[in-house]
Amino acid sequence: MLDYTNAARLYEGRKDKHVGRKVRNRVYMKYDPARDCFVVNELLSTCQWVPDPNRPGHVKYQRAPKERWKVRPFAEIYRDRIMITGAIHNTPMYELFRVASYVSRTVKLSGRTWFYKDSTRNFQKINGDLPIMIKDDKISSLTPAKVRVMDSEKQNEMNRMIQSIRNLIKVRTKLGAFDKLTPMQVDEHMRQINIERRWQVFDNPAKFLELLNAVNPEDLKSFYPLLWLADGNWYYRNYRNNADSYGRVDWVARYNNLINRMREKMRRELGVVKYVEADELRD
C-alpha cells in the first residue's frame, strides 16, 4: 500500500520537475511542501494539437512537452491519513491504496459505494461522497450519502428542450441533411471550437448543455457537436477511411443513446435533482 513512508522512499528516485515521480502506468506523484503531502495524479493526455507544416490550415496531434501534459489529482497522501479526492479506474486505485469504488446501485443516494481491504484482509464497505479518508486502517466518508429529491417543473422543462432538438434532428435526418457529411469535417469543426476529446464533454455536463443550447435550426454546423458525440463508431476510425461520408444513419436513435448517457448529469447540472441531508428531508 502506498502510504506516506513508502511514498517518501519512492519519491527519492528519478522524477520530473513538472509531473513528479512515475508511480505506475499513467499515474504520477508530486510532493507538496506547503501541505506536507504527496499528490497523486492520473495522466489524462500527453499530446496536443499543433499546426501541420505540411498542410497549411490543418493541424496534427503530436506529443507535447511535459509541462503541457494534462493530469488530474485523485489522491493525497499525508503522514497520518490518505485522502481519496477523485474516482478513477479501480485497477490503479486498488494497486496503490487497496480501494475500489462503484456507482451506487440506486440514484436515490448520492456518492459511490467504496470498498477497502484492510490489513486483516477483510473488506470494509461504505457509501458516501468524495473525499474518502483512510486512517488507522479504516475507511470513512467525510460527507455521508445524501437523499435524492426531484423538481418536477424543471424536469418537464429539460424534457421539452430534449424533445425540441430531437425533432430538429429527426427532420434533417429524413431530408438527408447529414448523409454526405464526413467524420473528417465534423472532427475539424470540433478542433475549431477547441474540443479535442469526448471526455471533455462527457465529464462536463455544463459544456454538454452549452452545445445543446447552441443548436440553431438555420445553421447545420451547430448540429455537428451532437453528431460527433453520438457517433458510436469513432473508436474504429483508424480502421476506415475517415473521408467517407456517414451515409444513411439513424441519428435520432444515436441522439437518444447520447441523451440517455448524459441524462442524470443534465438533471444534476440543471437542478432537476438535488441531494439533501436526510434530516432536511424529514423537516
Protein backbone atom coordinates (compact mmCIF):
# COMPACT_ATOMS: atom_id res chain seq x y z
CA MET A 1 0.00 0.00 0.00
CA LEU A 2 1.29 3.46 -0.89
CA ASP A 3 1.36 5.23 2.48
CA TYR A 4 3.48 8.28 3.41
CA THR A 5 6.58 6.22 4.28
CA ASN A 6 6.51 4.26 1.03
CA ALA A 7 5.72 7.38 -0.98
CA ALA A 8 8.70 9.25 0.53
CA ARG A 9 11.02 6.35 -0.23
CA LEU A 10 9.71 6.07 -3.80
CA TYR A 11 10.00 9.82 -4.32
CA GLU A 12 13.76 9.65 -3.79
CA GLY A 13 14.05 8.08 -7.22
CA ARG A 14 14.14 9.75 -10.61
CA LYS A 15 11.42 12.34 -11.12
CA ASP A 16 10.42 15.15 -13.45
CA LYS A 17 10.02 18.73 -12.21
CA HIS A 18 6.67 19.07 -13.98
CA VAL A 19 4.84 15.80 -13.34
CA GLY A 20 6.91 14.35 -10.49
CA ARG A 21 7.63 10.67 -9.88
CA LYS A 22 6.05 7.98 -12.02
CA VAL A 23 4.23 5.52 -9.74
CA ARG A 24 2.73 3.22 -12.35
CA ASN A 25 1.44 3.45 -15.89
CA ARG A 26 -0.33 6.84 -16.31
CA VAL A 27 -0.03 7.69 -12.61
CA TYR A 28 2.42 10.31 -11.27
CA MET A 29 3.10 11.58 -7.76
CA LYS A 30 4.36 15.01 -6.75
CA TYR A 31 5.30 16.33 -3.30
CA ASP A 32 3.50 19.43 -1.97
CA PRO A 33 5.74 21.01 0.70
CA ALA A 34 3.08 23.54 1.76
CA ARG A 35 0.78 20.75 2.95
CA ASP A 36 3.48 18.12 3.56
CA CYS A 37 1.71 15.58 1.40
CA PHE A 38 2.16 13.68 -1.84
CA VAL A 39 -0.43 14.47 -4.51
CA VAL A 40 -1.15 11.52 -6.81
CA ASN A 41 -2.29 12.42 -10.34
CA GLU A 42 -3.85 10.48 -13.19
CA LEU A 43 -2.27 11.24 -16.55
CA LEU A 44 -5.00 12.27 -18.99
CA SER A 45 -3.10 13.30 -22.10
CA THR A 46 0.50 13.64 -23.31
CA CYS A 47 -0.33 15.13 -26.71
CA GLN A 48 -1.57 18.37 -28.19
CA TRP A 49 -2.88 19.75 -31.46
CA VAL A 50 -0.32 21.82 -33.39
CA PRO A 51 -0.29 23.37 -36.89
CA ASP A 52 0.73 20.91 -39.59
CA PRO A 53 3.61 22.47 -41.58
CA ASN A 54 2.96 20.10 -44.46
CA ARG A 55 -0.71 21.07 -44.78
CA PRO A 56 -1.40 24.78 -44.26
CA GLY A 57 -4.65 25.37 -42.43
CA HIS A 58 -4.64 21.90 -40.84
CA VAL A 59 -3.47 20.62 -37.51
CA LYS A 60 -1.91 17.38 -36.31
CA TYR A 61 -1.79 15.57 -32.99
CA GLN A 62 1.67 15.11 -31.52
CA ARG A 63 3.43 14.52 -28.22
CA ALA A 64 3.57 17.63 -26.03
CA PRO A 65 6.38 18.74 -23.67
CA LYS A 66 5.83 17.51 -20.13
CA GLU A 67 4.81 20.95 -18.84
CA ARG A 68 1.76 20.70 -21.12
CA TRP A 69 0.73 17.21 -20.10
CA LYS A 70 -2.78 17.08 -18.68
CA VAL A 71 -3.14 15.45 -15.28
CA ARG A 72 -5.94 15.16 -12.73
CA PRO A 73 -5.35 14.67 -8.97
CA PHE A 74 -7.20 11.81 -7.32
CA ALA A 75 -5.41 11.21 -4.00
CA GLU A 76 -3.37 12.95 -1.31
CA ILE A 77 -1.01 11.04 0.98
CA TYR A 78 -0.43 12.62 4.41
CA ARG A 79 1.64 11.33 7.31
CA ASP A 80 -1.42 10.13 9.24
CA ARG A 81 -4.03 9.53 6.53
CA ILE A 82 -4.80 9.09 2.84
CA MET A 83 -7.46 11.24 1.17
CA ILE A 84 -9.14 9.94 -1.98
CA THR A 85 -10.27 13.07 -3.82
CA GLY A 86 -11.28 11.59 -7.17
CA ALA A 87 -12.69 8.37 -8.59
CA ILE A 88 -10.60 6.71 -11.30
CA HIS A 89 -10.29 3.19 -12.74
CA ASN A 90 -10.24 0.59 -9.99
CA THR A 91 -7.05 -1.13 -11.15
CA PRO A 92 -4.60 1.65 -10.17
CA MET A 93 -6.74 2.62 -7.18
CA TYR A 94 -6.63 -0.89 -5.76
CA GLU A 95 -2.95 -1.43 -6.54
CA LEU A 96 -1.98 1.77 -4.74
CA PHE A 97 -4.48 2.04 -1.89
CA ARG A 98 -6.43 -1.26 -1.79
CA VAL A 99 -9.57 0.73 -2.61
CA ALA A 100 -12.26 0.13 -5.23
CA SER A 101 -15.42 2.09 -5.94
CA TYR A 102 -18.58 1.52 -7.93
CA VAL A 103 -21.56 3.58 -8.95
CA SER A 104 -24.31 3.09 -6.41
CA ARG A 105 -26.98 0.64 -7.48
CA THR A 106 -29.60 3.31 -6.83
CA VAL A 107 -29.68 7.03 -7.68
CA LYS A 108 -31.69 7.63 -4.53
CA LEU A 109 -28.44 8.16 -2.65
CA SER A 110 -25.55 10.41 -3.63
CA GLY A 111 -21.94 9.30 -3.86
CA ARG A 112 -20.46 5.91 -4.67
CA THR A 113 -20.02 2.55 -2.96
CA TRP A 114 -16.46 2.14 -1.67
CA PHE A 115 -14.56 -0.99 -0.65
CA TYR A 116 -11.30 -1.07 1.30
CA LYS A 117 -9.18 -4.14 2.01
CA ASP A 118 -7.69 -3.60 5.48
CA SER A 119 -4.56 -5.14 6.98
CA THR A 120 -6.54 -8.17 8.18
CA ARG A 121 -7.56 -8.81 4.54
CA ASN A 122 -11.20 -8.06 5.29
CA PHE A 123 -13.23 -5.72 3.09
CA GLN A 124 -14.81 -2.64 4.61
CA LYS A 125 -17.76 -1.12 2.72
CA ILE A 126 -19.20 2.39 2.91
CA ASN A 127 -21.43 4.67 0.84
CA GLY A 128 -20.60 8.31 0.52
CA ASP A 129 -19.33 11.28 -1.45
CA LEU A 130 -15.76 12.37 -2.01
CA PRO A 131 -13.43 12.92 -0.30
CA ILE A 132 -12.88 9.47 1.22
CA MET A 133 -10.41 9.07 4.08
CA ILE A 134 -8.28 6.06 5.02
CA LYS A 135 -6.96 6.44 8.55
CA ASP A 136 -5.94 3.91 11.21
CA ASP A 137 -6.73 1.11 8.75
CA LYS A 138 -10.36 2.25 8.40
CA ILE A 139 -12.20 3.87 5.51
CA SER A 140 -14.73 6.64 6.05
CA SER A 141 -16.52 9.35 4.11
CA LEU A 142 -16.31 12.94 5.29
CA THR A 143 -19.63 13.60 3.56
CA PRO A 144 -22.16 10.77 4.13
CA ALA A 145 -24.57 9.88 1.34
CA LYS A 146 -27.49 12.27 0.88
CA VAL A 147 -31.08 11.60 -0.23
CA ARG A 148 -32.32 12.47 -3.72
CA VAL A 149 -35.27 14.83 -4.36
CA MET A 150 -36.63 15.95 -7.76
CA ASP A 151 -38.12 19.20 -9.08
CA SER A 152 -40.89 18.11 -11.49
CA GLU A 153 -41.21 21.55 -13.10
CA LYS A 154 -37.52 21.67 -14.03
CA GLN A 155 -37.74 18.06 -15.20
CA ASN A 156 -40.53 18.97 -17.64
CA GLU A 157 -38.53 21.95 -18.89
CA MET A 158 -35.49 19.76 -19.54
CA ASN A 159 -37.61 17.17 -21.36
CA ARG A 160 -39.07 19.88 -23.61
CA MET A 161 -35.58 21.01 -24.59
CA ILE A 162 -34.51 17.42 -25.36
CA GLN A 163 -37.65 16.81 -27.42
CA SER A 164 -37.24 20.04 -29.37
CA ILE A 165 -33.71 19.13 -30.51
CA ARG A 166 -34.80 15.54 -31.23
CA ASN A 167 -37.46 16.88 -33.61
CA LEU A 168 -34.89 19.07 -35.39
CA ILE A 169 -32.54 16.10 -35.87
CA LYS A 170 -35.43 13.88 -36.99
CA VAL A 171 -36.47 16.28 -39.76
CA ARG A 172 -32.92 16.77 -41.04
CA THR A 173 -32.22 13.04 -40.97
CA LYS A 174 -35.31 12.40 -43.09
CA LEU A 175 -34.21 15.09 -45.56
CA GLY A 176 -30.73 13.55 -45.77
CA ALA A 177 -29.01 16.70 -44.47
CA PHE A 178 -26.26 14.67 -42.78
CA ASP A 179 -25.84 11.93 -45.41
CA LYS A 180 -22.92 13.50 -47.29
CA LEU A 181 -21.21 14.75 -44.15
CA THR A 182 -17.87 13.08 -43.33
CA PRO A 183 -16.29 12.39 -39.92
CA MET A 184 -13.30 14.45 -41.09
CA GLN A 185 -15.50 17.53 -41.49
CA VAL A 186 -17.02 17.04 -38.05
CA ASP A 187 -13.62 16.46 -36.43
CA GLU A 188 -12.26 19.63 -37.99
CA HIS A 189 -15.22 21.62 -36.68
CA MET A 190 -14.64 20.28 -33.16
CA ARG A 191 -10.98 21.32 -33.30
CA GLN A 192 -12.06 24.80 -34.34
CA ILE A 193 -14.20 25.11 -31.20
CA ASN A 194 -11.35 23.72 -29.05
CA ILE A 195 -12.85 20.36 -28.11
CA GLU A 196 -10.32 17.59 -28.71
CA ARG A 197 -11.58 14.66 -26.63
CA ARG A 198 -15.07 13.37 -25.89
CA TRP A 199 -14.41 13.15 -22.17
CA GLN A 200 -14.14 16.95 -22.20
CA VAL A 201 -17.89 16.96 -22.78
CA PHE A 202 -18.99 13.69 -21.16
CA ASP A 203 -17.31 14.74 -17.90
CA ASN A 204 -18.64 18.29 -18.14
CA PRO A 205 -22.47 18.45 -18.22
CA ALA A 206 -22.36 22.25 -18.35
CA LYS A 207 -20.43 22.01 -21.62
CA PHE A 208 -22.87 19.43 -22.96
CA LEU A 209 -25.82 21.71 -22.17
CA GLU A 210 -23.97 24.57 -23.86
CA LEU A 211 -23.71 22.51 -27.05
CA LEU A 212 -27.40 21.61 -26.85
CA ASN A 213 -28.44 25.22 -26.39
CA ALA A 214 -26.21 26.28 -29.29
CA VAL A 215 -28.21 24.21 -31.79
CA ASN A 216 -29.61 26.61 -34.39
CA PRO A 217 -32.19 25.37 -36.95
CA GLU A 218 -30.66 27.75 -39.52
CA ASP A 219 -27.06 26.57 -39.01
CA LEU A 220 -26.30 22.95 -39.91
CA LYS A 221 -22.85 23.16 -38.28
CA SER A 222 -24.47 23.76 -34.90
CA PHE A 223 -25.57 20.09 -35.05
CA TYR A 224 -22.00 18.82 -35.63
CA PRO A 225 -21.02 18.53 -31.93
CA LEU A 226 -24.04 16.31 -31.24
CA LEU A 227 -23.24 14.12 -34.23
CA TRP A 228 -19.61 13.92 -33.08
CA LEU A 229 -20.66 12.83 -29.59
CA ALA A 230 -23.33 10.45 -30.86
CA ASP A 231 -21.09 8.72 -33.43
CA GLY A 232 -20.71 5.29 -31.89
CA ASN A 233 -18.06 4.25 -34.44
CA TRP A 234 -15.49 6.95 -33.61
CA TYR A 235 -13.19 4.42 -31.90
CA TYR A 236 -12.76 2.47 -35.15
CA ARG A 237 -11.93 5.42 -37.36
CA ASN A 238 -8.29 4.37 -37.63
CA TYR A 239 -9.52 1.28 -39.46
CA ARG A 240 -11.67 3.03 -42.04
CA ASN A 241 -11.44 5.92 -44.46
CA ASN A 242 -12.25 8.99 -42.41
CA ALA A 243 -13.15 10.87 -45.60
CA ASP A 244 -16.08 8.53 -46.34
CA SER A 245 -19.47 10.09 -45.73
CA TYR A 246 -21.70 8.88 -42.92
CA GLY A 247 -24.41 7.86 -45.37
CA ARG A 248 -27.83 6.93 -44.07
CA VAL A 249 -27.63 6.84 -40.27
CA ASP A 250 -30.41 6.76 -37.70
CA TRP A 251 -29.22 9.91 -35.94
CA VAL A 252 -32.36 10.05 -33.83
CA ALA A 253 -31.54 6.69 -32.24
CA ARG A 254 -27.95 7.79 -31.66
CA TYR A 255 -29.16 11.07 -30.17
CA ASN A 256 -31.42 9.13 -27.82
CA ASN A 257 -28.48 6.99 -26.70
CA LEU A 258 -26.41 10.11 -26.13
CA ILE A 259 -29.14 11.72 -24.03
CA ASN A 260 -29.58 8.54 -22.00
CA ARG A 261 -25.85 8.63 -21.25
CA MET A 262 -25.98 12.25 -20.11
CA ARG A 263 -29.49 12.46 -18.64
CA GLU A 264 -28.60 12.08 -14.98
CA LYS A 265 -25.68 14.51 -15.29
CA MET A 266 -28.00 17.00 -17.00
CA ARG A 267 -30.53 16.64 -14.20
CA ARG A 268 -27.93 17.47 -11.60
CA GLU A 269 -26.48 20.38 -13.58
CA LEU A 270 -29.92 21.94 -14.17
CA GLY A 271 -31.06 21.43 -10.59
CA VAL A 272 -33.74 18.95 -11.62
CA VAL A 273 -32.48 16.69 -8.86
CA LYS A 274 -30.57 17.56 -5.75
CA TYR A 275 -29.35 15.63 -2.77
CA VAL A 276 -30.14 16.78 0.73
CA GLU A 277 -29.35 15.56 4.20
CA ALA A 278 -31.85 13.03 5.49
CA ASP A 279 -32.70 15.43 8.33
CA GLU A 280 -33.64 18.17 5.84
CA LEU A 281 -36.00 15.78 4.04
CA ARG A 282 -37.78 14.91 7.26
CA ASP A 283 -38.20 18.58 8.11
